[in-house]
Protein backbone atom coordinates (compact mmCIF):
# COMPACT_ATOMS: atom_id res chain seq x y z
CA MET A 1 -33.44 -7.57 -17.12
CA LYS A 2 -32.47 -7.22 -13.75
CA SER A 3 -28.98 -5.64 -12.61
CA LEU A 4 -26.14 -7.70 -11.49
CA VAL A 5 -25.87 -5.55 -8.34
CA ALA A 6 -28.09 -2.10 -7.69
CA VAL A 7 -27.64 0.29 -4.79
CA ASP A 8 -30.86 2.42 -4.15
CA LYS A 9 -31.36 5.37 -1.66
CA ALA A 10 -28.22 4.53 0.37
CA GLN A 11 -26.91 6.13 3.43
CA CYS A 12 -23.98 4.55 4.92
CA ARG A 13 -21.80 6.09 7.88
CA ILE A 14 -18.30 5.44 9.08
CA GLY A 15 -18.00 5.76 12.94
CA GLY A 16 -21.02 7.69 13.19
CA GLN A 17 -19.47 10.79 11.45
CA ALA A 18 -18.46 10.71 7.50
CA LEU A 19 -21.77 9.71 5.62
CA LEU A 20 -22.03 8.31 2.12
CA LYS A 21 -25.28 8.98 0.17
CA VAL A 22 -25.90 7.04 -2.97
CA GLU A 23 -29.36 7.93 -5.03
CA HIS A 24 -29.00 4.95 -7.49
CA PHE A 25 -26.04 3.07 -8.77
CA SER A 26 -26.23 -0.18 -10.60
CA ILE A 27 -23.96 -2.53 -12.45
CA GLU A 28 -25.10 -4.62 -15.32
CA ARG A 29 -23.39 -7.82 -16.71
CA GLY A 30 -20.49 -7.07 -19.17
CA GLN A 31 -20.00 -3.48 -17.80
CA HIS A 32 -16.90 -2.42 -16.42
CA TRP A 33 -17.04 0.49 -14.13
CA CYS A 34 -14.24 2.88 -12.95
CA VAL A 35 -15.00 4.79 -9.61
CA PHE A 36 -12.91 7.72 -9.55
CA GLY A 37 -12.41 10.25 -6.73
CA ARG A 38 -9.76 11.51 -4.27
CA ASN A 39 -8.76 9.82 -0.94
CA GLY A 40 -11.84 9.94 1.56
CA SER A 41 -14.52 10.27 -0.98
CA GLY A 42 -16.18 7.05 -0.29
CA LYS A 43 -14.94 4.66 -3.10
CA THR A 44 -13.92 1.79 -0.52
CA LEU A 45 -17.13 2.41 1.37
CA LEU A 46 -19.14 2.13 -1.67
CA ALA A 47 -17.30 -1.14 -2.70
CA ASN A 48 -17.84 -2.52 0.73
CA LEU A 49 -21.46 -1.80 0.61
CA ILE A 50 -21.59 -3.57 -2.71
CA ALA A 51 -19.58 -6.54 -1.27
CA ALA A 52 -22.22 -7.31 1.48
CA LYS A 53 -19.40 -6.13 4.07
CA ARG A 54 -21.72 -3.58 5.81
CA ARG A 55 -24.71 -4.06 7.83
CA GLU A 56 -26.55 -1.57 5.71
CA SER A 57 -25.94 -3.76 2.53
CA SER A 58 -29.11 -5.75 3.07
CA SER A 59 -31.19 -2.62 3.38
CA TYR A 60 -29.53 -0.86 0.09
CA VAL A 61 -28.24 -3.60 -2.15
CA SER A 62 -30.14 -5.98 -4.38
CA TYR A 63 -28.65 -8.84 -6.47
CA ALA A 64 -29.54 -10.57 -9.35
CA THR A 65 -31.20 -14.15 -8.57
CA SER A 66 -28.04 -16.13 -9.71
CA PHE A 67 -25.40 -13.80 -8.01
CA ASP A 68 -24.14 -14.47 -4.40
CA PRO A 69 -21.57 -11.97 -3.22
CA ALA A 70 -19.90 -14.66 -0.78
CA LEU A 71 -19.30 -16.92 -3.98
CA ASP A 72 -18.98 -14.65 -6.93
CA LEU A 73 -17.27 -11.54 -5.88
CA TYR A 74 -13.61 -11.47 -6.01
CA ALA A 75 -11.65 -8.47 -4.48
CA VAL A 76 -8.04 -7.28 -5.43
CA SER A 77 -7.04 -4.88 -2.72
CA PHE A 78 -4.67 -4.35 0.21
CA GLU A 79 -7.56 -5.08 2.46
CA GLU A 80 -7.85 -8.62 0.98
CA GLN A 81 -4.01 -9.14 1.00
CA GLN A 82 -4.17 -8.44 4.65
CA ARG A 83 -7.12 -10.73 5.50
CA LEU A 84 -5.39 -13.67 3.67
CA TRP A 85 -1.95 -12.85 5.20
CA ALA A 86 -3.63 -12.56 8.72
CA ARG A 87 -5.60 -15.79 8.21
CA ASP A 88 -2.36 -17.76 7.41
CA ASN A 89 -0.63 -16.26 10.42
CA ARG A 90 -3.49 -17.49 12.90
CA LEU A 91 -3.06 -20.90 11.31
CA ASP A 92 0.75 -21.09 11.38
CA ILE A 93 2.25 -24.20 12.97
CA SER A 94 5.66 -23.69 12.09
CA GLU A 95 6.67 -24.09 15.86
CA TYR A 96 5.07 -27.80 15.76
CA SER A 97 6.98 -28.61 12.37
CA SER A 98 10.22 -30.56 12.45
CA ASN A 99 11.91 -27.97 10.24
CA ALA A 100 10.38 -25.04 12.04
CA GLN A 101 8.64 -23.94 8.80
CA ASP A 102 5.10 -23.74 7.46
CA LYS A 103 4.12 -22.51 4.15
CA GLY A 104 0.66 -21.94 4.66
CA THR A 105 -1.59 -21.32 1.75
CA VAL A 106 0.69 -21.83 -1.45
CA VAL A 107 -0.05 -19.54 -4.39
CA GLU A 108 -1.31 -22.37 -6.87
CA GLU A 109 -3.70 -23.60 -4.17
CA LEU A 110 -5.16 -20.16 -3.56
CA ILE A 111 -5.66 -19.50 -7.39
CA ARG A 112 -7.15 -23.03 -8.13
CA ALA A 113 -9.43 -22.90 -5.16
CA SER A 114 -11.62 -20.24 -7.02
CA ARG A 115 -12.93 -22.98 -9.23
CA ALA A 116 -14.75 -26.32 -8.27
CA ARG A 117 -12.30 -29.45 -8.92
CA GLN A 118 -14.45 -30.48 -12.10
CA THR A 119 -14.37 -27.06 -13.62
CA GLN A 120 -10.48 -26.81 -13.40
CA ASP A 121 -9.07 -25.26 -16.82
CA ASP A 122 -5.56 -26.08 -17.05
CA SER A 123 -5.12 -24.10 -20.29
CA LEU A 124 -6.43 -20.85 -18.82
CA PHE A 125 -4.41 -21.47 -15.64
CA ALA A 126 -1.19 -21.68 -17.67
CA ARG A 127 -2.03 -18.66 -19.70
CA LEU A 128 -2.64 -16.44 -16.46
CA VAL A 129 0.40 -17.76 -14.94
CA GLU A 130 2.48 -16.72 -18.02
CA GLN A 131 0.90 -13.55 -18.69
CA LEU A 132 1.44 -12.22 -15.02
CA ALA A 133 4.95 -13.94 -14.73
CA LEU A 134 3.93 -15.99 -11.71
CA LYS A 135 5.84 -19.34 -12.44
CA GLY A 136 8.46 -18.71 -10.03
CA VAL A 137 6.06 -18.17 -7.14
CA LEU A 138 3.59 -21.11 -7.42
CA SER A 139 4.90 -23.10 -4.84
CA LYS A 140 5.67 -20.35 -2.35
CA GLY A 141 3.36 -19.57 0.70
CA ILE A 142 1.53 -16.36 0.26
CA ARG A 143 2.91 -14.99 3.52
CA PHE A 144 6.48 -14.95 1.92
CA LEU A 145 5.31 -12.98 -1.12
CA SER A 146 6.09 -9.19 -1.59
CA SER A 147 3.14 -6.75 -1.81
CA GLY A 148 3.46 -6.57 -5.41
CA GLN A 149 3.72 -10.23 -6.20
CA MET A 150 0.51 -10.73 -3.87
CA ARG A 151 -1.27 -8.21 -5.89
CA LYS A 152 -0.80 -10.18 -9.35
CA VAL A 153 -1.77 -13.70 -7.47
CA LEU A 154 -5.00 -12.12 -6.47
CA ILE A 155 -5.62 -10.79 -9.99
CA ALA A 156 -4.99 -14.27 -11.39
CA ARG A 157 -7.51 -15.72 -8.63
CA ALA A 158 -10.10 -13.10 -9.74
CA LEU A 159 -9.77 -13.93 -13.62
CA TYR A 160 -9.45 -17.56 -13.08
CA ALA A 161 -12.75 -18.02 -10.81
CA TYR A 162 -15.75 -19.62 -12.23
CA ARG A 163 -19.14 -20.94 -10.96
CA GLU A 164 -21.46 -22.69 -13.18
CA GLY A 165 -24.68 -20.46 -13.97
CA ALA A 166 -23.17 -17.17 -12.21
CA VAL A 167 -21.58 -13.99 -13.45
CA ARG A 168 -18.38 -12.95 -11.64
CA LEU A 169 -17.94 -9.17 -10.10
CA LEU A 170 -14.22 -8.18 -9.63
CA ILE A 171 -13.67 -5.28 -7.43
CA LEU A 172 -10.14 -4.04 -8.34
CA ASP A 173 -9.04 -1.38 -5.78
CA ASP A 174 -5.98 0.62 -7.40
CA PRO A 175 -4.58 -2.95 -8.83
CA LEU A 176 -1.61 -0.94 -10.28
CA GLU A 177 -0.37 0.42 -6.85
CA SER A 178 2.94 -1.02 -5.33
CA ILE A 179 3.83 -2.74 -8.50
CA ASP A 180 6.96 -2.22 -10.51
CA ARG A 181 6.57 -0.91 -14.20
CA ALA A 182 7.05 -4.28 -15.87
CA SER A 183 4.56 -5.68 -13.81
CA GLN A 184 2.16 -2.77 -14.33
CA GLU A 185 2.26 -3.57 -18.09
CA GLN A 186 1.68 -7.27 -17.42
CA ILE A 187 -1.26 -6.40 -15.19
CA ARG A 188 -2.81 -3.94 -17.90
CA ASN A 189 -2.42 -6.31 -20.82
CA THR A 190 -3.74 -9.22 -18.74
CA ILE A 191 -7.06 -7.51 -17.43
CA GLY A 192 -7.37 -5.61 -20.83
CA ALA A 193 -7.32 -8.79 -22.71
CA SER A 194 -9.72 -10.66 -20.21
CA MET A 195 -12.46 -7.99 -19.97
CA ASP A 196 -15.49 -9.08 -21.73
CA GLU A 197 -19.28 -9.36 -21.27
CA SER A 198 -18.93 -12.88 -19.29
CA PHE A 199 -18.25 -10.96 -16.21
CA SER A 200 -18.24 -7.32 -14.64
CA SER A 201 -15.99 -5.24 -12.65
CA LEU A 202 -15.59 -2.25 -10.56
CA GLN A 203 -12.09 -0.62 -10.54
CA LEU A 204 -11.55 1.95 -7.66
CA CYS A 205 -9.24 4.62 -9.14
CA ARG A 206 -7.55 7.90 -7.68
CA ARG A 207 -5.36 8.76 -10.41
CA ALA A 208 -6.25 9.26 -14.22
CA GLN A 209 -3.04 7.47 -15.45
CA ASP A 210 -4.27 4.05 -13.65
CA ILE A 211 -7.74 3.60 -15.41
CA LEU A 212 -7.53 0.26 -16.67
CA PRO A 213 -8.02 -0.65 -20.61
CA GLY A 214 -11.40 -1.87 -21.16
CA ALA A 215 -13.27 0.38 -18.69
CA SER A 216 -16.73 1.14 -20.10
CA HIS A 217 -18.33 3.25 -17.66
CA MET A 218 -17.20 5.78 -14.95
CA ALA A 219 -18.86 7.05 -11.63
CA LEU A 220 -17.42 10.12 -9.86
CA MET A 221 -17.20 10.37 -6.14
CA ARG A 222 -16.49 13.62 -4.03
CA GLN A 223 -16.59 14.70 -0.19
CA ASP A 224 -17.78 17.98 0.67
CA ALA A 225 -19.55 19.60 3.63
CA SER A 226 -22.76 17.47 3.10
CA GLY A 227 -20.64 14.08 3.16
CA MET A 228 -19.52 11.62 0.44
CA ARG A 229 -21.50 11.23 -2.52
CA MET A 230 -21.76 10.29 -6.21
CA VAL A 231 -21.87 13.37 -8.27
CA ARG A 232 -21.97 12.00 -11.97
CA GLN A 233 -22.09 8.45 -13.62
CA GLY A 234 -22.12 6.97 -17.13
CA ILE A 235 -20.25 6.06 -20.23
CA LEU A 236 -16.62 6.63 -19.56
CA ASP A 237 -15.57 9.24 -22.29
CA GLU A 238 -18.54 11.47 -21.43
CA VAL A 239 -17.82 11.63 -17.76
CA MET A 240 -14.23 12.18 -18.34
CA GLY A 241 -15.22 15.25 -20.42
CA SER A 242 -17.55 16.64 -17.66
CA SER A 243 -16.88 19.68 -15.45
CA GLU A 244 -17.08 17.53 -12.50
CA TYR A 245 -14.30 15.26 -13.47
CA VAL A 246 -11.99 18.28 -14.41
CA GLN A 247 -12.92 19.67 -11.03
CA ILE A 248 -11.52 16.67 -9.19
CA GLU A 249 -8.61 15.90 -11.31
CA SER A 250 -7.18 19.71 -11.48
CA ALA A 251 -6.68 20.07 -7.64
CA ARG A 252 -3.11 20.90 -6.60
CA ALA A 253 -1.81 20.61 -3.25
CA GLN A 254 -0.27 23.33 -0.85
CA VAL A 255 1.78 22.55 1.94
CA PRO A 256 0.47 23.99 5.14
CA GLU A 257 2.40 27.09 6.51
CA ARG A 258 2.33 25.28 10.08
CA LEU A 259 4.90 22.71 8.89
CA GLY A 260 7.68 25.00 8.81
CA THR A 261 7.18 25.86 12.74
CA LEU A 262 7.69 22.06 13.20
CA LEU A 263 11.15 21.85 11.51
CA PRO A 264 13.94 24.17 12.87
CA MET A 265 16.47 25.17 10.29
CA ASN A 266 19.47 23.16 11.85
CA ALA A 267 20.58 21.22 8.90
CA GLY A 268 23.74 23.25 8.61
CA ALA A 269 24.91 22.04 11.94
CA ARG A 270 25.48 18.53 10.78
CA ASP A 271 28.49 16.79 9.57
CA ASP A 272 27.99 15.75 5.88
CA ASP A 273 30.78 13.07 6.30
CA GLU A 274 29.11 11.43 9.09
CA GLU A 275 28.22 7.84 8.37
CA LEU A 276 24.78 6.71 9.11
CA ILE A 277 24.62 3.31 7.27
CA ARG A 278 27.32 0.96 6.14
CA LEU A 279 26.89 -2.36 4.98
CA GLU A 280 29.69 -4.70 3.84
CA ASN A 281 29.04 -8.11 2.02
CA VAL A 282 25.95 -8.53 3.69
CA THR A 283 23.69 -11.59 2.88
CA ALA A 284 20.31 -12.72 3.73
CA SER A 285 18.58 -15.98 3.18
CA TYR A 286 15.34 -17.85 4.24
CA GLY A 287 15.82 -21.59 4.27
CA ASP A 288 17.11 -22.54 0.69
CA ILE A 289 16.03 -19.19 -0.69
CA THR A 290 18.68 -16.62 -0.96
CA VAL A 291 17.32 -13.02 -1.05
CA LEU A 292 20.29 -10.81 -0.81
CA THR A 293 24.01 -11.39 -1.72
CA ASP A 294 27.26 -9.27 -1.28
CA VAL A 295 25.43 -6.14 -0.40
CA ASN A 296 27.90 -3.31 -0.21
CA TRP A 297 26.31 0.41 0.66
CA LEU A 298 27.30 3.45 2.29
CA MET A 299 25.00 6.26 3.23
CA THR A 300 26.25 9.47 4.74
CA ALA A 301 24.60 12.57 6.19
CA ARG A 302 24.71 14.17 2.96
CA ASP A 303 22.89 11.52 1.26
CA HIS A 304 19.04 11.28 0.57
CA VAL A 305 18.51 7.85 -1.16
CA VAL A 306 16.03 6.32 -3.29
CA ILE A 307 16.17 2.27 -3.49
CA GLU A 308 14.90 0.87 -6.85
CA GLY A 309 14.36 -2.73 -7.80
CA PRO A 310 11.48 -5.12 -9.11
CA ASN A 311 8.82 -6.74 -6.81
CA GLY A 312 10.32 -9.46 -4.60
CA CYS A 313 14.05 -8.33 -5.09
CA GLY A 314 14.54 -7.90 -1.33
CA LYS A 315 14.13 -4.17 -0.89
CA SER A 316 11.97 -4.73 2.24
CA THR A 317 14.21 -6.98 3.48
CA LEU A 318 17.33 -4.59 3.17
CA LEU A 319 15.20 -2.17 5.45
CA SER A 320 14.41 -4.57 8.01
CA LEU A 321 18.18 -5.68 8.41
CA ILE A 322 18.90 -1.78 9.25
CA ASP A 323 16.06 -0.70 11.45
CA GLY A 324 16.12 -3.66 13.95
CA GLU A 325 13.14 -5.62 12.77
CA ASN A 326 15.10 -8.49 11.39
CA HIS A 327 17.68 -10.74 13.25
CA LYS A 328 19.74 -11.60 10.20
CA GLY A 329 21.24 -8.36 10.53
CA TYR A 330 23.14 -9.38 13.53
CA GLY A 331 26.51 -11.05 13.23
CA GLN A 332 27.11 -9.35 9.82
CA GLN A 333 28.93 -6.17 8.97
CA VAL A 334 26.23 -3.73 9.39
CA PHE A 335 27.22 -0.31 10.85
CA LEU A 336 24.59 2.03 12.11
CA PHE A 337 25.92 5.49 13.13
CA SER A 338 29.38 4.09 13.09
CA ARG A 339 28.59 1.43 15.50
CA LEU A 340 28.53 -2.28 14.55
CA LYS A 341 24.79 -3.47 14.96
CA GLY A 342 24.77 -5.91 17.84
CA SER A 343 27.70 -4.66 19.86
CA GLY A 344 25.58 -4.08 23.00
CA GLU A 345 22.71 -1.52 22.00
CA THR A 346 18.98 -2.71 22.52
CA ILE A 347 16.57 -2.77 20.02
CA TRP A 348 14.86 0.30 21.34
CA GLU A 349 18.12 2.04 21.20
CA THR A 350 18.29 1.28 17.29
CA LYS A 351 14.56 1.97 16.63
CA LYS A 352 14.81 5.71 18.27
CA HIS A 353 16.97 6.70 15.38
CA PHE A 354 14.30 5.65 12.68
CA GLY A 355 10.91 6.78 11.63
CA VAL A 356 9.32 4.43 9.31
CA VAL A 357 6.25 4.14 6.90
CA SER A 358 5.92 0.95 5.33
CA ASN A 359 3.27 -1.67 4.15
CA GLU A 360 4.17 -4.09 7.06
CA LEU A 361 3.61 -1.27 9.68
CA HIS A 362 0.35 -0.45 7.88
CA ASN A 363 -0.69 -4.06 8.10
CA LYS A 364 -0.09 -4.11 12.02
CA TYR A 365 -2.51 -1.62 13.18
CA SER A 366 -5.89 -3.35 13.93
CA LYS A 367 -9.09 -1.83 15.20
CA GLY A 368 -9.53 0.15 18.33
CA TRP A 369 -6.89 3.00 17.76
CA ARG A 370 -7.91 6.48 17.16
CA VAL A 371 -5.72 8.59 14.85
CA LEU A 372 -4.39 10.89 17.51
CA ASP A 373 -3.22 7.37 19.51
CA VAL A 374 -1.58 6.29 16.20
CA VAL A 375 0.54 9.41 15.82
CA VAL A 376 1.48 9.62 19.64
CA SER A 377 2.59 5.94 19.49
CA GLY A 378 5.30 7.05 17.37
CA PHE A 379 7.14 8.50 20.17
CA PHE A 380 7.13 5.10 21.78
CA ASP A 381 7.81 2.84 18.55
CA SER A 382 4.93 0.87 19.51
CA VAL A 383 1.91 -0.50 17.48
CA GLY A 384 -0.69 1.24 19.51
CA LEU A 385 -0.64 3.30 22.61
CA TYR A 386 0.33 1.66 25.82
CA ASP A 387 2.49 4.18 27.89
CA GLU A 388 1.37 7.24 29.73
CA THR A 389 1.22 10.01 27.43
CA GLY A 390 2.57 13.76 28.36
CA ALA A 391 0.88 17.00 27.41
CA ALA A 392 4.09 17.77 25.32
CA GLN A 393 3.76 14.54 23.28
CA ILE A 394 0.03 15.16 22.59
CA GLU A 395 0.49 18.55 21.39
CA GLY A 396 3.45 17.42 19.24
CA ALA A 397 1.26 14.73 17.48
CA ARG A 398 -1.45 17.47 16.99
CA SER A 399 0.90 19.83 15.44
CA TRP A 400 1.92 16.85 12.82
CA ILE A 401 -1.69 15.98 12.44
CA GLU A 402 -2.59 19.52 11.43
CA ALA A 403 0.56 20.04 9.34
CA LEU A 404 -0.65 17.23 7.23
CA GLY A 405 -4.26 18.41 6.73
CA LEU A 406 -5.60 15.57 8.94
CA GLN A 407 -7.02 17.66 12.00
CA GLN A 408 -10.77 16.78 11.01
CA LEU A 409 -9.70 13.00 11.49
CA GLU A 410 -8.22 13.13 14.88
CA THR A 411 -10.98 11.52 16.80
CA HIS A 412 -11.67 9.08 13.96
CA TYR A 413 -10.82 5.30 14.45
CA TYR A 414 -7.71 4.67 12.27
CA HIS A 415 -9.18 1.64 10.57
CA GLU A 416 -12.38 3.66 9.44
CA ILE A 417 -10.60 6.32 7.58
CA SER A 418 -9.20 5.61 3.93
CA PHE A 419 -6.18 3.56 2.97
CA GLY A 420 -4.64 6.93 1.80
CA GLN A 421 -5.36 8.91 4.88
CA GLN A 422 -3.87 6.22 6.88
CA ARG A 423 -0.59 6.63 4.93
CA LEU A 424 -0.52 10.30 5.98
CA VAL A 425 -1.19 9.28 9.64
CA LEU A 426 1.96 7.06 9.51
CA LEU A 427 4.11 9.83 8.37
CA ALA A 428 2.99 12.03 11.06
CA ARG A 429 3.55 8.96 13.50
CA ALA A 430 7.08 8.67 12.13
CA MET A 431 8.07 12.21 12.24
CA VAL A 432 6.86 13.26 15.98
CA LYS A 433 10.00 12.03 17.46
CA ARG A 434 12.47 13.62 14.69
CA PRO A 435 14.16 10.76 13.60
CA ARG A 436 17.69 10.72 12.16
CA ILE A 437 16.40 8.54 9.12
CA LEU A 438 13.09 8.59 7.80
CA ILE A 439 12.43 5.15 6.03
CA LEU A 440 9.58 5.45 3.41
CA ASP A 441 8.78 2.11 1.94
CA GLU A 442 6.35 3.14 -0.78
CA PRO A 443 4.76 5.95 1.11
CA CYS A 444 2.53 6.98 -1.94
CA VAL A 445 0.56 4.02 -2.28
CA GLY A 446 -2.97 4.51 -1.78
CA LEU A 447 -2.75 8.20 -2.53
CA ASP A 448 -4.49 10.33 -5.02
CA ASP A 449 -2.07 13.01 -7.02
CA TYR A 450 -3.15 15.57 -4.67
CA HIS A 451 -1.94 13.75 -1.53
CA ARG A 452 1.28 12.43 -3.72
CA GLN A 453 2.11 16.03 -4.31
CA LEU A 454 1.69 16.87 -0.63
CA ILE A 455 3.59 13.95 0.73
CA LEU A 456 6.69 14.81 -1.75
CA ALA A 457 6.53 18.55 -0.86
CA VAL A 458 6.74 17.82 2.87
CA LEU A 459 9.65 15.12 2.28
CA ASP A 460 11.53 17.76 0.56
CA ILE A 461 10.98 20.57 3.26
CA ILE A 462 12.04 17.86 5.74
CA ALA A 463 15.35 17.05 3.93
CA GLN A 464 15.93 20.93 3.63
CA CYS A 465 14.75 22.10 7.32
CA ALA A 466 15.48 18.96 9.68
CA GLN A 467 18.42 16.89 10.61
CA THR A 468 16.63 13.66 9.20
CA ASN A 469 17.77 11.67 6.00
CA ILE A 470 15.48 10.44 3.52
CA LEU A 471 15.33 6.62 2.54
CA TYR A 472 12.83 6.26 -0.05
CA VAL A 473 11.66 3.06 -1.91
CA THR A 474 9.43 3.30 -4.96
CA HIS A 475 8.58 1.40 -8.26
CA VAL A 476 7.79 4.74 -9.88
CA PRO A 477 11.14 6.34 -11.00
CA ASP A 478 9.63 10.01 -11.79
CA GLU A 479 7.69 9.79 -8.23
CA GLN A 480 10.53 10.67 -5.52
CA PRO A 481 11.40 13.94 -3.78
CA ARG A 482 13.60 16.31 -5.24
CA CYS A 483 16.00 16.05 -2.43
CA ILE A 484 17.06 12.72 -3.61
CA ASN A 485 20.94 12.43 -4.69
CA GLN A 486 21.79 8.83 -4.36
CA ILE A 487 20.20 5.48 -5.94
CA LEU A 488 20.58 2.18 -4.58
CA ARG A 489 19.47 -0.06 -7.43
CA PHE A 490 18.85 -3.80 -7.05
CA SER A 491 20.07 -6.36 -9.88
CA LYS A 492 20.25 -10.04 -9.86
CA HIS A 493 23.75 -11.73 -8.49
CA SER A 494 25.27 -14.55 -10.41
CA ALA A 495 25.34 -16.54 -7.20
CA GLY A 496 21.70 -16.17 -6.41
CA GLY A 497 19.50 -13.70 -5.06
CA TYR A 498 20.07 -9.76 -5.55
CA THR A 499 22.82 -7.49 -4.89
CA VAL A 500 22.94 -3.53 -5.17
CA GLU A 501 24.66 -0.91 -7.14
CA GLN A 502 25.21 2.57 -5.38
CA LEU A 503 24.93 5.45 -7.71
CA ARG A 504 24.78 9.47 -7.52
CA GLN A 505 21.69 10.73 -8.75
CA ASP A 506 23.37 13.21 -10.97
CA SER A 507 25.43 10.42 -12.79
CA VAL A 508 22.30 8.58 -13.94
């Protein structure tokens, strides 16, 4: 029987530099593969090759007669989220609407569109909505979902999809990333219960703990001096017992020595009682939807804060009220560095105090910018580089690029490097101007264990050595820098929306 998908003697380059080589790889109907490897090992490139998104696909990839990648392949990934969000933004007609609102594509429409009208299955649809807890967002526009909510919607769409006479292939690019713990369990249970011989799947995975139940096969990817390649493949248990797997899994990060020279020991010069952020009875709503209610919070110079809460509770909204991106922060009791927000300062005067790493910023960078350009743009708080750049700024950017082990990527285009590598580039961009507050909205999303260890170690050094305070958002309670000493925990408010509780780390 012919494979559903087969890759033979493939050679695929990114930007004429990194080379992926695959001698042979195939997916049979009913097989559920886990492609495992560190950041930059070629997992996403292989998936794009299989999905017919590369011009080389027609030369190296063959499909079963009944399989059409344009109709039968469904992706769950940050890239797919970005594509759908960008499409809705292009089609936005809110400025022509009487109520200045345009929902765009709503959740139920997106999921049901994966089947023809005559093959709609209301029972399956209801079961997926219940299993993934999507009832509350079915009528929402996808642009107004959190990253975690959107991830669950894409999973529901992929599992609901059907075309008569065809076999589906699901590409799951780290489906548990950017997801709170309860949602992770929902996703694991839903996918695990759905995996059978009626379709095939390809999970791209960076961490052993994220391998989905029901995976039957594994392929290992690695990058070395010769490029990116598949070093082993076969039955899951056999591959996980191999020396190649142990070598990938056992790598441990070391903080580059260069980092210490970038962060002078000046933390002792600050006043620990200085107020950095103070919110008093702050609220935020969008139309009839209340997001935040009666938020009170004080962050001083002694505090390094972790923000905890479920997907969709308003964590990103709270951050945007602070750093100048959200106009709803004006006219409220929002104090930054003891000054009422909106009392005469410009947005650029606000932004100069903040370095940011977030999904929203990640989504804004499009094609055309090299890694060095992205890092230098941090000096100007711009998305892209449009100002004249001095030698000192270039040198400062290169120092941070080297400190995070990215020097080999300096001339690469940002959109051509892996998602995890892009995350590290954004951290370098955030730190070049030595911000007073470093906002990290899920900075470890898309990173393997090696790079997560590196990020967390770097943040602890920043907190210890620099006059920079950490504001850290995560869905993983045990994945945060050791410097954290305050918790801001979201909980539902009786009047609607969410509020926060401020706790000391040692009291929890």
